[in-house]
Amino acid sequence: MNNIVKIDSISFITHNVLRIKTEKPADFKFVPGQATEISINEEVWRNEKRPFTFTCLPEDNYLEFTIKTYPSRKGVTNELLKLKKDDELILHDVFGAIHYKGEGVFIAGGAGVTPFIAILRDLHSKNKIAGNKLIFSNKTKDDIILKEEFENLLGKNFINILSEEKSDEYPYGHISENFLKANISDYKKYFYLCGPPPMMEAVEKQLTGLKVERNLLIKEEF
């Protein structure tokens, strides 16, 4: 069933990531980590659906989406940049493969962190975030989504790595087996993966090499 919702607010949280808050339809349900397909309620764009993750909590009285924009592609995210308060979006089916199953390590690449935002916020609200860790790979410091919030939620369990910028603050390069070994001590926990397919394939291979059992790998390709 489709729902038409009005935008309550729209703003940048990084140089290319939007936070969009909308009305919440009555009896609308989702689980932290899930997404919906969204289209813009304008004639040209109504049938152009794209998947975006809910980053609010199920009990919030609004819906929130944290969306990386790609202006050069001239697609839906570029059109989102033109929207304002009271413009309308169409919400389609709710779906998603990532659900919290237990303590573990969340490994995200870029906007692949979005399913983890609601999960980690939800765990924090229930005082169950201890024991979880987020390893976040980005190109540069400016690309780190919700840096301050993750620092507050996770403290030393928020670990960053940058692939295209060298800095004194964070390691440089790609997630490697040695990097995982340096930052993970328990391989019997769950591993939640979301990011670009090449990165996810590499990380999954490394985790398999570290003897992580397949049933502990929970992934969503971004």
C-alpha atoms as a PDB file:
ATOM      1  CA  MET A   1       0.000   0.000   0.000  1.00  0.00           C
ATOM      2  CA  ASN A   2       1.360   3.415  -0.934  1.00  0.00           C
ATOM      3  CA  ASN A   3       1.404   6.341   1.487  1.00  0.00           C
ATOM      4  CA  ILE A   4       1.758   9.974   0.450  1.00  0.00           C
ATOM      5  CA  VAL A   5       3.550  12.015   3.115  1.00  0.00           C
ATOM      6  CA  LYS A   6       4.511  15.673   3.385  1.00  0.00           C
ATOM      7  CA  ILE A   7       8.058  16.727   4.203  1.00  0.00           C
ATOM      8  CA  ASP A   8       8.310  18.413   7.623  1.00  0.00           C
ATOM      9  CA  SER A   9      11.974  19.393   7.285  1.00  0.00           C
ATOM     10  CA  ILE A  10      14.926  18.834   4.972  1.00  0.00           C
ATOM     11  CA  SER A  11      18.547  19.765   5.708  1.00  0.00           C
ATOM     12  CA  PHE A  12      22.170  18.763   5.096  1.00  0.00           C
ATOM     13  CA  ILE A  13      24.045  16.806   7.776  1.00  0.00           C
ATOM     14  CA  THR A  14      27.215  16.465   5.669  1.00  0.00           C
ATOM     15  CA  HIS A  15      28.245  18.102   2.397  1.00  0.00           C
ATOM     16  CA  ASN A  16      26.203  15.559   0.392  1.00  0.00           C
ATOM     17  CA  VAL A  17      23.882  13.791   2.863  1.00  0.00           C
ATOM     18  CA  LEU A  18      20.334  14.965   3.530  1.00  0.00           C
ATOM     19  CA  ARG A  19      18.173  14.405   6.589  1.00  0.00           C
ATOM     20  CA  ILE A  20      14.523  14.362   5.542  1.00  0.00           C
ATOM     21  CA  LYS A  21      11.766  14.226   8.159  1.00  0.00           C
ATOM     22  CA  THR A  22       8.191  13.545   7.062  1.00  0.00           C
ATOM     23  CA  GLU A  23       4.756  12.980   8.479  1.00  0.00           C
ATOM     24  CA  LYS A  24       4.102   9.460   9.736  1.00  0.00           C
ATOM     25  CA  PRO A  25       0.955   7.724   8.457  1.00  0.00           C
ATOM     26  CA  ALA A  26      -1.344   6.216  11.096  1.00  0.00           C
ATOM     27  CA  ASP A  27      -0.440   2.619  12.042  1.00  0.00           C
ATOM     28  CA  PHE A  28       2.764   2.757   9.953  1.00  0.00           C
ATOM     29  CA  LYS A  29       5.168   0.023  11.075  1.00  0.00           C
ATOM     30  CA  PHE A  30       8.797  -0.907  10.450  1.00  0.00           C
ATOM     31  CA  VAL A  31      11.640  -2.586  12.332  1.00  0.00           C
ATOM     32  CA  PRO A  32      14.991  -0.776  12.906  1.00  0.00           C
ATOM     33  CA  GLY A  33      17.218  -1.599   9.935  1.00  0.00           C
ATOM     34  CA  GLN A  34      14.362  -1.754   7.422  1.00  0.00           C
ATOM     35  CA  ALA A  35      13.865   0.481   4.381  1.00  0.00           C
ATOM     36  CA  THR A  36      11.123   1.532   1.994  1.00  0.00           C
ATOM     37  CA  GLU A  37      11.049   2.469  -1.642  1.00  0.00           C
ATOM     38  CA  ILE A  38      10.398   6.173  -2.056  1.00  0.00           C
ATOM     39  CA  SER A  39       9.359   8.231  -5.044  1.00  0.00           C
ATOM     40  CA  ILE A  40       8.691  11.945  -5.391  1.00  0.00           C
ATOM     41  CA  ASN A  41       5.022  12.879  -5.780  1.00  0.00           C
ATOM     42  CA  GLU A  42       5.484  14.748  -9.047  1.00  0.00           C
ATOM     43  CA  GLU A  43       4.291  13.510 -12.422  1.00  0.00           C
ATOM     44  CA  VAL A  44       7.735  12.945 -13.938  1.00  0.00           C
ATOM     45  CA  TRP A  45       9.146  11.208 -10.839  1.00  0.00           C
ATOM     46  CA  ARG A  46       6.178   9.277  -9.407  1.00  0.00           C
ATOM     47  CA  ASN A  47       7.300   5.913 -10.805  1.00  0.00           C
ATOM     48  CA  GLU A  48      11.044   6.414 -10.101  1.00  0.00           C
ATOM     49  CA  LYS A  49      11.361   4.434  -6.864  1.00  0.00           C
ATOM     50  CA  ARG A  50      14.569   4.232  -4.824  1.00  0.00           C
ATOM     51  CA  PRO A  51      15.269   2.349  -1.565  1.00  0.00           C
ATOM     52  CA  PHE A  52      15.991   4.431   1.529  1.00  0.00           C
ATOM     53  CA  THR A  53      16.372   3.300   5.139  1.00  0.00           C
ATOM     54  CA  PHE A  54      14.328   4.579   8.071  1.00  0.00           C
ATOM     55  CA  THR A  55      16.726   6.272  10.491  1.00  0.00           C
ATOM     56  CA  CYS A  56      14.098   7.221  13.079  1.00  0.00           C
ATOM     57  CA  LEU A  57      12.797   4.835  15.743  1.00  0.00           C
ATOM     58  CA  PRO A  58       9.519   2.926  15.262  1.00  0.00           C
ATOM     59  CA  GLU A  59       7.955   4.787  18.190  1.00  0.00           C
ATOM     60  CA  ASP A  60       8.811   8.274  16.848  1.00  0.00           C
ATOM     61  CA  ASN A  61       5.845  10.336  15.662  1.00  0.00           C
ATOM     62  CA  TYR A  62       7.615  11.206  12.409  1.00  0.00           C
ATOM     63  CA  LEU A  63       9.630   9.348   9.762  1.00  0.00           C
ATOM     64  CA  GLU A  64      13.261  10.200   9.060  1.00  0.00           C
ATOM     65  CA  PHE A  65      15.554   9.275   6.186  1.00  0.00           C
ATOM     66  CA  THR A  66      19.300   9.934   5.953  1.00  0.00           C
ATOM     67  CA  ILE A  67      20.104  10.034   2.242  1.00  0.00           C
ATOM     68  CA  LYS A  68      23.354  10.429   0.356  1.00  0.00           C
ATOM     69  CA  THR A  69      22.844  12.525  -2.768  1.00  0.00           C
ATOM     70  CA  TYR A  70      24.519  12.069  -6.149  1.00  0.00           C
ATOM     71  CA  PRO A  71      23.906  15.288  -8.125  1.00  0.00           C
ATOM     72  CA  SER A  72      26.007  14.173 -11.108  1.00  0.00           C
ATOM     73  CA  ARG A  73      23.674  11.237 -11.767  1.00  0.00           C
ATOM     74  CA  LYS A  74      20.683  13.526 -12.440  1.00  0.00           C
ATOM     75  CA  GLY A  75      18.420  10.981 -10.740  1.00  0.00           C
ATOM     76  CA  VAL A  76      16.092  10.831  -7.751  1.00  0.00           C
ATOM     77  CA  THR A  77      18.615  12.000  -5.138  1.00  0.00           C
ATOM     78  CA  ASN A  78      19.419  15.040  -7.276  1.00  0.00           C
ATOM     79  CA  GLU A  79      15.696  15.872  -7.367  1.00  0.00           C
ATOM     80  CA  LEU A  80      15.504  15.500  -3.582  1.00  0.00           C
ATOM     81  CA  LEU A  81      17.937  18.419  -3.344  1.00  0.00           C
ATOM     82  CA  LYS A  82      15.246  20.642  -4.869  1.00  0.00           C
ATOM     83  CA  LEU A  83      12.523  19.691  -2.392  1.00  0.00           C
ATOM     84  CA  LYS A  84      11.325  21.767   0.545  1.00  0.00           C
ATOM     85  CA  LYS A  85       8.901  21.644   3.454  1.00  0.00           C
ATOM     86  CA  ASP A  86       5.379  20.453   2.464  1.00  0.00           C
ATOM     87  CA  ASP A  87       6.536  18.824  -0.782  1.00  0.00           C
ATOM     88  CA  GLU A  88       5.306  15.236  -0.990  1.00  0.00           C
ATOM     89  CA  LEU A  89       6.963  11.829  -1.139  1.00  0.00           C
ATOM     90  CA  ILE A  90       5.332   8.463  -1.864  1.00  0.00           C
ATOM     91  CA  LEU A  91       6.277   5.565   0.425  1.00  0.00           C
ATOM     92  CA  HIS A  92       5.975   2.087  -1.086  1.00  0.00           C
ATOM     93  CA  ASP A  93       6.652  -1.352   0.442  1.00  0.00           C
ATOM     94  CA  VAL A  94       8.734  -1.797   3.604  1.00  0.00           C
ATOM     95  CA  PHE A  95      11.569  -4.340   3.361  1.00  0.00           C
ATOM     96  CA  GLY A  96      15.096  -5.106   4.588  1.00  0.00           C
ATOM     97  CA  ALA A  97      17.387  -7.991   5.432  1.00  0.00           C
ATOM     98  CA  ILE A  98      19.244  -6.466   8.378  1.00  0.00           C
ATOM     99  CA  HIS A  99      17.693  -6.945  11.797  1.00  0.00           C
ATOM    100  CA  TYR A 100      19.466  -6.934  15.140  1.00  0.00           C
ATOM    101  CA  LYS A 101      20.029 -10.487  16.332  1.00  0.00           C
ATOM    102  CA  GLY A 102      22.492  -9.892  19.125  1.00  0.00           C
ATOM    103  CA  GLU A 103      25.727  -8.189  20.135  1.00  0.00           C
ATOM    104  CA  GLY A 104      28.243  -7.766  17.390  1.00  0.00           C
ATOM    105  CA  VAL A 105      30.317  -5.690  15.034  1.00  0.00           C
ATOM    106  CA  PHE A 106      28.666  -3.403  12.488  1.00  0.00           C
ATOM    107  CA  ILE A 107      30.855  -2.820   9.418  1.00  0.00           C
ATOM    108  CA  ALA A 108      29.698  -0.067   7.053  1.00  0.00           C
ATOM    109  CA  GLY A 109      30.975   1.649   3.947  1.00  0.00           C
ATOM    110  CA  GLY A 110      29.742   5.206   3.312  1.00  0.00           C
ATOM    111  CA  ALA A 111      25.961   5.496   3.089  1.00  0.00           C
ATOM    112  CA  GLY A 112      25.802   1.783   3.889  1.00  0.00           C
ATOM    113  CA  VAL A 113      25.733   2.909   7.520  1.00  0.00           C
ATOM    114  CA  THR A 114      22.096   4.008   7.222  1.00  0.00           C
ATOM    115  CA  PRO A 115      20.464   0.694   8.301  1.00  0.00           C
ATOM    116  CA  PHE A 116      22.656   0.756  11.401  1.00  0.00           C
ATOM    117  CA  ILE A 117      21.547   4.257  12.491  1.00  0.00           C
ATOM    118  CA  ALA A 118      18.080   3.171  13.651  1.00  0.00           C
ATOM    119  CA  ILE A 119      19.410  -0.112  15.082  1.00  0.00           C
ATOM    120  CA  LEU A 120      22.056   1.649  17.210  1.00  0.00           C
ATOM    121  CA  ARG A 121      19.652   4.412  18.269  1.00  0.00           C
ATOM    122  CA  ASP A 122      17.131   1.743  19.251  1.00  0.00           C
ATOM    123  CA  LEU A 123      19.727  -0.192  21.282  1.00  0.00           C
ATOM    124  CA  HIS A 124      20.774   3.024  23.018  1.00  0.00           C
ATOM    125  CA  SER A 125      17.160   3.856  23.908  1.00  0.00           C
ATOM    126  CA  LYS A 126      16.869   0.397  25.520  1.00  0.00           C
ATOM    127  CA  ASN A 127      20.274   0.590  27.279  1.00  0.00           C
ATOM    128  CA  LYS A 128      21.476  -2.385  25.219  1.00  0.00           C
ATOM    129  CA  ILE A 129      24.170  -0.748  23.094  1.00  0.00           C
ATOM    130  CA  ALA A 130      27.115  -1.921  25.253  1.00  0.00           C
ATOM    131  CA  GLY A 131      29.145  -4.654  23.601  1.00  0.00           C
ATOM    132  CA  ASN A 132      28.403  -3.459  20.058  1.00  0.00           C
ATOM    133  CA  LYS A 133      31.003  -1.880  17.799  1.00  0.00           C
ATOM    134  CA  LEU A 134      30.839   0.144  14.556  1.00  0.00           C
ATOM    135  CA  ILE A 135      33.671   0.032  12.013  1.00  0.00           C
ATOM    136  CA  PHE A 136      32.998   2.775   9.470  1.00  0.00           C
ATOM    137  CA  SER A 137      34.896   3.178   6.198  1.00  0.00           C
ATOM    138  CA  ASN A 138      34.703   6.475   4.308  1.00  0.00           C
ATOM    139  CA  LYS A 139      36.690   8.321   1.673  1.00  0.00           C
ATOM    140  CA  THR A 140      37.373  11.446   3.776  1.00  0.00           C
ATOM    141  CA  LYS A 141      36.625  12.925   7.223  1.00  0.00           C
ATOM    142  CA  ASP A 142      33.917  15.117   5.694  1.00  0.00           C
ATOM    143  CA  ASP A 143      32.087  11.999   4.525  1.00  0.00           C
ATOM    144  CA  ILE A 144      31.572  10.567   8.027  1.00  0.00           C
ATOM    145  CA  ILE A 145      27.814  10.565   8.626  1.00  0.00           C
ATOM    146  CA  LEU A 146      26.646  11.420  12.192  1.00  0.00           C
ATOM    147  CA  LYS A 147      30.223  11.394  13.523  1.00  0.00           C
ATOM    148  CA  GLU A 148      29.381  13.135  16.818  1.00  0.00           C
ATOM    149  CA  GLU A 149      26.305  11.019  17.470  1.00  0.00           C
ATOM    150  CA  PHE A 150      28.192   7.765  16.898  1.00  0.00           C
ATOM    151  CA  GLU A 151      30.977   8.993  19.194  1.00  0.00           C
ATOM    152  CA  ASN A 152      28.388   9.690  21.903  1.00  0.00           C
ATOM    153  CA  LEU A 153      26.605   6.362  21.381  1.00  0.00           C
ATOM    154  CA  LEU A 154      29.645   4.113  21.114  1.00  0.00           C
ATOM    155  CA  GLY A 155      32.695   5.920  22.494  1.00  0.00           C
ATOM    156  CA  LYS A 156      35.847   3.877  21.792  1.00  0.00           C
ATOM    157  CA  ASN A 157      33.703   1.287  19.985  1.00  0.00           C
ATOM    158  CA  PHE A 158      33.273   3.717  17.064  1.00  0.00           C
ATOM    159  CA  ILE A 159      36.203   3.008  14.737  1.00  0.00           C
ATOM    160  CA  ASN A 160      36.849   4.912  11.502  1.00  0.00           C
ATOM    161  CA  ILE A 161      39.102   4.311   8.526  1.00  0.00           C
ATOM    162  CA  LEU A 162      39.592   6.651   5.546  1.00  0.00           C
ATOM    163  CA  SER A 163      40.448   5.433   2.054  1.00  0.00           C
ATOM    164  CA  GLU A 164      41.247   8.724   0.299  1.00  0.00           C
ATOM    165  CA  GLU A 165      42.477  11.129   3.002  1.00  0.00           C
ATOM    166  CA  LYS A 166      45.417  10.804   5.353  1.00  0.00           C
ATOM    167  CA  SER A 167      44.846  12.335   8.778  1.00  0.00           C
ATOM    168  CA  ASP A 168      46.287  12.152  12.282  1.00  0.00           C
ATOM    169  CA  GLU A 169      42.910  11.102  13.657  1.00  0.00           C
ATOM    170  CA  TYR A 170      42.128   7.959  11.714  1.00  0.00           C
ATOM    171  CA  PRO A 171      43.823   5.008  10.024  1.00  0.00           C
ATOM    172  CA  TYR A 172      44.284   5.267   6.251  1.00  0.00           C
ATOM    173  CA  GLY A 173      43.455   2.611   3.671  1.00  0.00           C
ATOM    174  CA  HIS A 174      40.876  -0.119   3.209  1.00  0.00           C
ATOM    175  CA  ILE A 175      39.532  -2.570   5.768  1.00  0.00           C
ATOM    176  CA  SER A 176      42.016  -5.448   5.746  1.00  0.00           C
ATOM    177  CA  GLU A 177      42.337  -8.668   7.700  1.00  0.00           C
ATOM    178  CA  ASN A 178      45.058  -7.043   9.828  1.00  0.00           C
ATOM    179  CA  PHE A 179      42.802  -4.037  10.499  1.00  0.00           C
ATOM    180  CA  LEU A 180      39.990  -6.370  11.592  1.00  0.00           C
ATOM    181  CA  LYS A 181      42.375  -8.347  13.829  1.00  0.00           C
ATOM    182  CA  ALA A 182      43.578  -5.109  15.453  1.00  0.00           C
ATOM    183  CA  ASN A 183      40.027  -3.979  16.259  1.00  0.00           C
ATOM    184  CA  ILE A 184      38.095  -7.187  16.969  1.00  0.00           C
ATOM    185  CA  SER A 185      38.817  -9.676  19.722  1.00  0.00           C
ATOM    186  CA  ASP A 186      35.711 -11.888  19.576  1.00  0.00           C
ATOM    187  CA  TYR A 187      34.735 -13.642  16.352  1.00  0.00           C
ATOM    188  CA  LYS A 188      31.796 -15.511  17.867  1.00  0.00           C
ATOM    189  CA  LYS A 189      29.554 -12.437  17.768  1.00  0.00           C
ATOM    190  CA  TYR A 190      27.329 -11.300  14.918  1.00  0.00           C
ATOM    191  CA  PHE A 191      28.820  -9.311  12.044  1.00  0.00           C
ATOM    192  CA  TYR A 192      26.447  -6.860  10.341  1.00  0.00           C
ATOM    193  CA  LEU A 193      27.664  -5.718   6.922  1.00  0.00           C
ATOM    194  CA  CYS A 194      26.356  -2.987   4.641  1.00  0.00           C
ATOM    195  CA  GLY A 195      28.161  -1.039   1.934  1.00  0.00           C
ATOM    196  CA  PRO A 196      29.213  -1.110  -1.721  1.00  0.00           C
ATOM    197  CA  PRO A 197      29.292  -4.721  -3.047  1.00  0.00           C
ATOM    198  CA  PRO A 198      33.089  -4.838  -3.757  1.00  0.00           C
ATOM    199  CA  MET A 199      33.853  -3.737  -0.195  1.00  0.00           C
ATOM    200  CA  MET A 200      31.341  -6.174   1.299  1.00  0.00           C
ATOM    201  CA  GLU A 201      32.737  -9.072  -0.718  1.00  0.00           C
ATOM    202  CA  ALA A 202      36.267  -8.264   0.459  1.00  0.00           C
ATOM    203  CA  VAL A 203      35.225  -7.920   4.118  1.00  0.00           C
ATOM    204  CA  GLU A 204      33.164 -11.107   4.011  1.00  0.00           C
ATOM    205  CA  LYS A 205      36.158 -12.982   2.582  1.00  0.00           C
ATOM    206  CA  GLN A 206      38.394 -11.607   5.349  1.00  0.00           C
ATOM    207  CA  LEU A 207      35.900 -12.575   8.064  1.00  0.00           C
ATOM    208  CA  THR A 208      35.606 -16.070   6.607  1.00  0.00           C
ATOM    209  CA  GLY A 209      39.410 -16.259   6.736  1.00  0.00           C
ATOM    210  CA  LEU A 210      39.182 -15.324  10.417  1.00  0.00           C
ATOM    211  CA  LYS A 211      36.865 -18.335  10.920  1.00  0.00           C
ATOM    212  CA  VAL A 212      33.649 -16.342  11.418  1.00  0.00           C
ATOM    213  CA  GLU A 213      30.755 -18.762  10.935  1.00  0.00           C
ATOM    214  CA  ARG A 214      28.465 -17.996   8.009  1.00  0.00           C
ATOM    215  CA  ASN A 215      25.343 -17.902  10.193  1.00  0.00           C
ATOM    216  CA  LEU A 216      26.886 -14.953  12.091  1.00  0.00           C
ATOM    217  CA  LEU A 217      27.141 -12.819   8.920  1.00  0.00           C
ATOM    218  CA  ILE A 218      24.138 -10.553   8.387  1.00  0.00           C
ATOM    219  CA  LYS A 219      24.338  -8.398   5.302  1.00  0.00           C
ATOM    220  CA  GLU A 220      22.493  -5.893   3.171  1.00  0.00           C
ATOM    221  CA  GLU A 221      24.033  -4.859  -0.122  1.00  0.00           C
ATOM    222  CA  PHE A 222      23.832  -1.157  -0.624  1.00  0.00           C
END
